[in-house]
Structure formats: structure tokens, C-alpha cells
């Protein structure tokens, strides 16, 4: 997790990657005042769940804003973010807005040539980059890396959490590859005041989601398709008696046996506390969600 200092050009074309969150700071201050000790963020790190209370998030944003100023970040600066969505990235985005600068999200899936073109167009003055491969691509462009902890300064470590707290919580397993994702996360998280949880890695997302059992999912169209594939892989193969039993449970959810089967599948997916799915608008060339996922969406609409 690193911040890069970039050469600043005279003109930048950064509108495509800008993060829109006009009320974010006001909303963060609101929750920091009315619910300071309630949990705002959850993240699994090194096999352990850690939490940030609203007061912790607010204080971290203020410290990070001071750290950014020390790195020359001003109201005329542009901070590029690239990597998985998780607390450090969100808090740093809010800190940049606190200073008054611009926030951009650049995909973490760009190859070296595509990254060069995007950097040439967007011309960020600073950047926060996650992931070994992504960091290496930025290093290959001659950027200097600084540690996130140096921006934050000495603070108490995040608290460990036992997952027996039954509160409404949102879930994200996305990255900056979702172009509008950060704007969506900030809006849904800060408008609701619910905790927002993240997996340790993309590979552990399914397992970590089952541990959290979120009440709301924040999904891009691409992630919806990935989730649909996960659901399909957990069901019995088509045209088998077990699959017909599952389909029967969908068709007649009012009966006790069908509800039992349906709830069993929900629990396997970490959906047993699910109330809604926020999903980006799907394009015409994206396949329709399979029956099981459509059923979940109907239930929580």
C-alpha cells in the first residue's frame, strides 16, 4: 500500500476517473458525532477481522489529511487510487477531499501501455496503489513509493472483532476496476450509517462473506456475473434430481421443506441476513442473471 509522487502536467483530462461524493465529509462528521462508538468499517487482515468505529474513521481521515499536506497535496492536487476497495483506500479518498483536492480511481487491471496512456491523460499529482503487480507497474514508470502508515502517523491499531455482532452491514468485494464503484460505496455507506465490510482478498471473498453474512451487497455488473457463477457452482448439476429439488424450492417457497432448502443455499452463500442488493445498471450485452440470483433480488427488492 503506497503513495506515489507524480510529475504534475500543465493540463489534465481527468473527468473520466473522478470520484463524485459531494456530501461525504459532512456525512462522516455526522456519524462521528451521533454514533462515535458504532462500527463503521470491517476488514479481514492476516486471518483476523478488524474494525474501525466512526470516531476512528473520522480521526484517521484528519490525520491522513495532515499527512497528505506534508507530501505537498493541496486544493489543486489530484490523488489517483488503484487497487482493492478496503478501509485504507476509502479513508485516504476522504482525506484528499478534506484537503480540497481531486480524487480519481484508476483500474488496477491496466497493462503497462494502458497505464501509461491513462496516466498521461489524467496526470495525477499523487497516487495510492495496492497490489504487488500494480505497484510494480507504477514503479516501472519511475514513481517514488511512500508507505501508507507514514501518512497516518502513530495511532492505535485497529481493534480485532469477534463476528457475533448482529448489526446491519454492507459488503463489497470490488476494486477500482469498477469505474464508479468508489462513488457508490461512499454514497451507500455514509448515507446509511451502516458498517461496510471487505474480504481479505478476492480469493477469500466467498468464505469471508459467509462469515460476515451481510445485510446488503454493493455490486458492479461484472461482479454480479461472478457471483452468479459462484451460485451455479454450489448448486447440483442441471437435470439431476437434486437440482430439480432446488428449482422446486424456488417455485414454491411458501412450503416448509422448500423454505428449508432455500435457506440452506442462502447460508452457503452468506446470504442468510441479506435484505438488498445494490447493482449497477446492466448493459444489453450482459447475460440475464440466473434464476437463483434473480430470486434473491426479488426477495429483497
Protein backbone atom coordinates (compact mmCIF):
# COMPACT_ATOMS: atom_id res chain seq x y z
CA UNK A 1 0.00 0.00 0.00
CA UNK A 2 1.87 3.01 -1.27
CA UNK A 3 1.57 6.63 -2.26
CA UNK A 4 3.44 7.86 -5.33
CA UNK A 5 4.53 11.41 -6.09
CA UNK A 6 3.94 12.16 -9.78
CA UNK A 7 5.12 14.92 -12.07
CA UNK A 8 2.27 17.34 -12.46
CA UNK A 9 1.42 18.45 -16.02
CA UNK A 10 0.03 21.83 -17.06
CA UNK A 11 -3.33 20.35 -18.19
CA UNK A 12 -5.18 17.20 -17.16
CA UNK A 13 -8.14 15.35 -18.67
CA UNK A 14 -9.30 13.54 -15.54
CA UNK A 15 -13.10 13.80 -15.69
CA UNK A 16 -13.49 10.13 -16.71
CA UNK A 17 -11.95 8.90 -13.44
CA UNK A 18 -13.25 11.48 -10.97
CA UNK A 19 -14.95 10.32 -7.78
CA UNK A 20 -18.24 12.06 -7.05
CA UNK A 21 -19.08 12.21 -3.34
CA UNK A 22 -20.12 15.80 -2.58
CA UNK A 23 -21.61 15.12 0.88
CA UNK A 24 -19.09 12.53 2.06
CA UNK A 25 -17.23 14.64 4.60
CA UNK A 26 -20.39 16.10 6.12
CA UNK A 27 -21.87 12.63 6.45
CA UNK A 28 -18.70 11.23 8.02
CA UNK A 29 -18.67 14.03 10.59
CA UNK A 30 -22.36 13.38 11.30
CA UNK A 31 -21.81 9.70 12.16
CA UNK A 32 -18.66 10.56 14.09
CA UNK A 33 -20.78 12.81 16.30
CA UNK A 34 -24.04 10.86 16.69
CA UNK A 35 -22.63 7.29 16.66
CA UNK A 36 -18.93 7.65 17.54
CA UNK A 37 -18.53 4.17 19.06
CA UNK A 38 -20.59 2.27 16.49
CA UNK A 39 -18.67 0.20 13.94
CA UNK A 40 -18.15 1.91 10.58
CA UNK A 41 -15.68 -0.40 8.77
CA UNK A 42 -14.68 -4.07 8.92
CA UNK A 43 -11.76 -5.66 7.12
CA UNK A 44 -10.14 -9.07 7.36
CA UNK A 45 -6.35 -8.88 7.57
CA UNK A 46 -3.99 -11.83 8.10
CA UNK A 47 -6.92 -14.07 9.01
CA UNK A 48 -8.35 -11.68 11.64
CA UNK A 49 -11.31 -9.32 11.44
CA UNK A 50 -10.55 -5.72 12.38
CA UNK A 51 -12.96 -2.84 12.95
CA UNK A 52 -12.95 0.95 12.82
CA UNK A 53 -15.54 2.87 14.81
CA UNK A 54 -16.98 6.06 13.32
CA UNK A 55 -14.80 8.16 15.59
CA UNK A 56 -11.76 6.15 14.46
CA UNK A 57 -12.60 6.73 10.81
CA UNK A 58 -13.07 10.46 11.36
CA UNK A 59 -9.79 10.82 13.25
CA UNK A 60 -7.89 8.77 10.65
CA UNK A 61 -9.20 11.00 7.87
CA UNK A 62 -7.96 14.08 9.72
CA UNK A 63 -4.52 12.52 10.31
CA UNK A 64 -4.27 11.40 6.70
CA UNK A 65 -5.19 14.90 5.52
CA UNK A 66 -2.27 16.28 7.54
CA UNK A 67 -0.01 13.59 6.07
CA UNK A 68 -1.08 14.49 2.55
CA UNK A 69 -0.39 18.18 3.17
CA UNK A 70 3.12 17.24 4.29
CA UNK A 71 3.55 15.47 0.96
CA UNK A 72 2.63 18.63 -0.93
CA UNK A 73 -1.03 17.76 -1.54
CA UNK A 74 -3.16 20.91 -1.94
CA UNK A 75 -6.52 22.01 -3.31
CA UNK A 76 -5.01 21.91 -6.79
CA UNK A 77 -3.73 18.33 -6.43
CA UNK A 78 -5.15 15.10 -7.86
CA UNK A 79 -4.95 11.82 -5.94
CA UNK A 80 -5.19 8.63 -8.02
CA UNK A 81 -6.34 5.45 -6.25
CA UNK A 82 -5.79 1.98 -7.67
CA UNK A 83 -6.48 -1.37 -6.02
CA UNK A 84 -8.99 -3.29 -3.94
CA UNK A 85 -11.63 -1.35 -2.05
CA UNK A 86 -10.82 -1.52 1.67
CA UNK A 87 -10.57 0.91 4.63
CA UNK A 88 -7.19 2.47 3.78
CA UNK A 89 -8.31 3.39 0.28
CA UNK A 90 -11.66 4.84 1.40
CA UNK A 91 -10.17 6.85 4.24
CA UNK A 92 -7.42 8.25 2.03
CA UNK A 93 -10.01 9.31 -0.56
CA UNK A 94 -11.92 11.16 2.17
CA UNK A 95 -8.70 12.75 3.40
CA UNK A 96 -7.93 14.08 -0.07
CA UNK A 97 -11.42 15.59 -0.21
CA UNK A 98 -10.80 17.04 3.27
CA UNK A 99 -7.80 18.91 1.88
CA UNK A 100 -9.88 20.01 -1.09
CA UNK A 101 -8.10 18.08 -3.82
CA UNK A 102 -9.48 15.89 -6.58
CA UNK A 103 -9.85 12.11 -6.25
CA UNK A 104 -9.51 9.70 -9.19
CA UNK A 105 -9.88 5.92 -9.37
CA UNK A 106 -7.74 4.15 -11.97
CA UNK A 107 -8.33 0.46 -12.78
CA UNK A 108 -5.89 -1.96 -11.14
CA UNK A 109 -6.14 -4.23 -14.20
CA UNK A 110 -4.34 -1.99 -16.72
CA UNK A 111 -1.37 -3.38 -18.62
CA UNK A 112 1.79 -1.21 -18.72
CA UNK A 113 0.93 0.52 -22.01
CA UNK A 114 -2.67 1.21 -20.99
CA UNK A 115 -1.47 2.55 -17.63
CA UNK A 116 0.98 4.88 -19.39
CA UNK A 117 -1.82 6.31 -21.53
CA UNK A 118 -4.18 6.74 -18.58
CA UNK A 119 -1.52 8.50 -16.51
CA UNK A 120 -0.70 10.77 -19.43
CA UNK A 121 -4.35 11.79 -19.73
CA UNK A 122 -5.30 12.04 -16.06
CA UNK A 123 -1.99 13.43 -14.78
CA UNK A 124 -2.44 12.74 -11.05
CA UNK A 125 -0.10 14.56 -8.72
CA UNK A 126 -0.19 11.79 -6.09
CA UNK A 127 -1.33 8.17 -6.08
CA UNK A 128 -2.18 5.37 -3.69
CA UNK A 129 -1.59 1.94 -5.20
CA UNK A 130 -2.28 -1.55 -3.87
CA UNK A 131 -1.29 -5.00 -5.08
CA UNK A 132 2.19 -6.25 -5.91
CA UNK A 133 1.73 -6.33 -9.67
CA UNK A 134 0.03 -2.94 -9.80
CA UNK A 135 2.75 -1.36 -7.64
CA UNK A 136 5.40 -2.78 -9.94
CA UNK A 137 3.75 -1.26 -12.99
CA UNK A 138 3.79 2.13 -11.29
CA UNK A 139 7.40 1.64 -10.24
CA UNK A 140 8.29 0.92 -13.83
CA UNK A 141 7.10 4.43 -14.61
CA UNK A 142 9.77 5.75 -12.24
CA UNK A 143 7.49 6.67 -9.35
CA UNK A 144 8.61 7.03 -5.73
CA UNK A 145 6.76 4.89 -3.18
CA UNK A 146 5.80 6.03 0.29
CA UNK A 147 4.19 3.89 2.98
CA UNK A 148 0.56 4.47 3.96
CA UNK A 149 1.47 4.26 7.64
CA UNK A 150 3.80 7.24 7.22
CA UNK A 151 0.84 9.37 6.09
CA UNK A 152 -1.31 8.24 9.00
CA UNK A 153 1.37 8.62 11.66
CA UNK A 154 1.42 6.83 15.03
CA UNK A 155 -2.06 5.68 16.01
CA UNK A 156 -3.62 2.87 18.00
CA UNK A 157 -4.04 -0.28 15.88
CA UNK A 158 -7.48 -1.22 14.63
CA UNK A 159 -9.45 -3.40 17.04
CA UNK A 160 -9.95 -7.11 16.47
CA UNK A 161 -13.53 -8.27 16.16
CA UNK A 162 -15.42 -11.41 17.02
CA UNK A 163 -18.12 -11.90 14.41
CA UNK A 164 -21.03 -12.24 16.81
CA UNK A 165 -22.29 -8.69 16.40
CA UNK A 166 -25.70 -8.68 14.70
CA UNK A 167 -25.91 -5.29 13.04
CA UNK A 168 -26.82 -4.15 9.54
CA UNK A 169 -23.74 -4.12 7.36
CA UNK A 170 -22.86 -3.60 3.74
CA UNK A 171 -20.44 -5.78 1.81
CA UNK A 172 -18.03 -5.01 -1.04
CA UNK A 173 -15.61 -7.36 -2.83
CA UNK A 174 -14.71 -4.95 -5.64
CA UNK A 175 -11.73 -2.85 -6.75
CA UNK A 176 -11.08 0.32 -8.72
CA UNK A 177 -11.69 -1.75 -11.86
CA UNK A 178 -15.33 -0.76 -11.14
CA UNK A 179 -15.15 2.75 -12.51
CA UNK A 180 -17.98 4.27 -10.46
CA UNK A 181 -17.52 1.91 -7.54
CA UNK A 182 -15.92 4.26 -5.04
CA UNK A 183 -18.64 6.87 -5.54
CA UNK A 184 -21.25 4.15 -4.95
CA UNK A 185 -19.53 2.82 -1.83
CA UNK A 186 -19.09 6.24 -0.26
CA UNK A 187 -22.69 7.20 -1.02
CA UNK A 188 -24.28 3.97 0.27
CA UNK A 189 -22.02 3.66 3.31
CA UNK A 190 -22.15 7.24 4.51
CA UNK A 191 -25.83 7.84 3.72
CA UNK A 192 -26.94 4.71 5.62
CA UNK A 193 -24.57 4.79 8.59
CA UNK A 194 -24.22 1.01 8.32
CA UNK A 195 -20.89 -0.77 8.73
CA UNK A 196 -19.09 -1.57 5.48
CA UNK A 197 -17.10 -4.83 5.35
CA UNK A 198 -14.40 -6.08 2.98
CA UNK A 199 -12.80 -9.51 2.41
CA UNK A 200 -9.12 -10.18 2.94
CA UNK A 201 -8.58 -10.87 -0.78
CA UNK A 202 -10.59 -11.68 -3.93
CA UNK A 203 -9.77 -15.35 -3.45
CA UNK A 204 -11.23 -15.41 0.07
CA UNK A 205 -14.28 -13.29 -0.74
CA UNK A 206 -16.77 -16.17 -0.74
CA UNK A 207 -15.57 -17.57 2.60
CA UNK A 208 -15.29 -14.16 4.23
CA UNK A 209 -18.77 -13.20 3.02
CA UNK A 210 -20.22 -16.26 4.73
CA UNK A 211 -18.54 -15.22 7.99
CA UNK A 212 -19.94 -11.70 7.82
CA UNK A 213 -23.42 -12.58 6.45
CA UNK A 214 -24.05 -9.02 5.21
CA UNK A 215 -27.42 -7.35 5.00
CA UNK A 216 -26.58 -5.54 1.75
CA UNK A 217 -24.34 -6.19 -1.26
CA UNK A 218 -22.80 -3.44 -3.40
CA UNK A 219 -22.14 -4.98 -6.83
CA UNK A 220 -20.92 -3.98 -10.26
CA UNK A 221 -22.42 -5.76 -13.26
CA UNK A 222 -19.19 -7.74 -13.66
CA UNK A 223 -19.20 -8.86 -10.03
CA UNK A 224 -22.85 -9.84 -10.32
CA UNK A 225 -21.87 -12.27 -13.09
CA UNK A 226 -19.05 -13.65 -10.91
CA UNK A 227 -21.49 -14.14 -8.06
CA UNK A 228 -23.95 -15.83 -10.40
CA UNK A 229 -21.21 -18.28 -11.38
CA UNK A 230 -20.49 -18.97 -7.72
CA UNK A 231 -24.15 -19.70 -7.07
CA UNK A 232 -24.30 -22.02 -10.06
CA UNK A 233 -21.21 -23.91 -8.89
CA UNK A 234 -22.79 -24.56 -5.48
CA UNK A 235 -25.99 -25.97 -6.91
CA UNK A 236 -26.41 -29.52 -8.15
CA UNK A 237 -25.79 -30.05 -11.90
CA UNK A 238 -28.73 -29.31 -14.21
CA UNK A 239 -31.19 -32.13 -14.93
CA UNK A 240 -30.37 -34.00 -11.72
CA UNK A 241 -32.92 -34.77 -9.02
CA UNK A 242 -31.11 -32.55 -6.54
CA UNK A 243 -31.20 -29.61 -8.94
CA UNK A 244 -34.88 -30.19 -9.66
CA UNK A 245 -35.45 -30.15 -5.91
CA UNK A 246 -33.72 -26.75 -5.66
CA UNK A 247 -35.77 -25.37 -8.56
CA UNK A 248 -38.91 -26.72 -6.92
CA UNK A 249 -37.99 -24.86 -3.73
CA UNK A 250 -37.81 -21.61 -5.71
CA UNK A 251 -41.15 -22.21 -7.38
CA UNK A 252 -42.94 -22.96 -4.07
CA UNK A 253 -41.13 -21.03 -1.30
CA UNK A 254 -44.22 -20.95 0.91
CA UNK A 255 -43.94 -24.63 1.87
CA UNK A 256 -41.78 -25.68 4.88
CA UNK A 257 -39.50 -28.10 3.01
CA UNK A 258 -38.88 -25.67 0.18
CA UNK A 259 -38.08 -22.87 2.64
CA UNK A 260 -35.61 -25.18 4.40
CA UNK A 261 -33.79 -25.96 1.14
CA UNK A 262 -33.78 -22.34 0.07
CA UNK A 263 -32.43 -21.13 3.41
CA UNK A 264 -29.71 -23.78 3.27
CA UNK A 265 -28.48 -22.41 -0.06
CA UNK A 266 -28.65 -18.85 1.27
CA UNK A 267 -26.46 -19.79 4.22
CA UNK A 268 -23.87 -21.47 1.98
CA UNK A 269 -23.60 -18.21 0.03
CA UNK A 270 -23.56 -15.96 3.12
CA UNK A 271 -26.97 -14.56 2.15
CA UNK A 272 -28.99 -15.59 5.20
CA UNK A 273 -29.17 -12.00 6.51
CA UNK A 274 -29.41 -10.35 3.11
CA UNK A 275 -32.04 -7.62 2.62
CA UNK A 276 -30.97 -5.87 -0.58
CA UNK A 277 -28.54 -5.90 -3.48
CA UNK A 278 -27.35 -2.63 -4.97
CA UNK A 279 -26.33 -3.38 -8.53
CA UNK A 280 -25.06 -1.16 -11.32
CA UNK A 281 -27.19 -0.88 -14.45
CA UNK A 282 -26.54 -3.81 -16.75
CA UNK A 283 -25.69 -3.26 -20.40
CA UNK A 284 -27.61 -5.05 -23.14
CA UNK A 285 -24.74 -7.40 -23.92
CA UNK A 286 -24.55 -8.71 -20.31
CA UNK A 287 -26.45 -12.00 -19.85
CA UNK A 288 -29.54 -12.07 -17.64
CA UNK A 289 -28.89 -13.24 -14.08
CA UNK A 290 -29.70 -16.92 -13.43
CA UNK A 291 -32.88 -17.97 -11.67
CA UNK A 292 -31.35 -18.30 -8.21
CA UNK A 293 -29.82 -14.84 -8.24
CA UNK A 294 -33.00 -13.32 -9.69
CA UNK A 295 -34.89 -14.97 -6.84
CA UNK A 296 -32.63 -13.35 -4.26
CA UNK A 297 -33.08 -9.97 -5.91
CA UNK A 298 -36.86 -10.36 -5.99
CA UNK A 299 -36.94 -11.19 -2.30
CA UNK A 300 -35.02 -8.07 -1.34
CA UNK A 301 -36.36 -5.57 -3.83
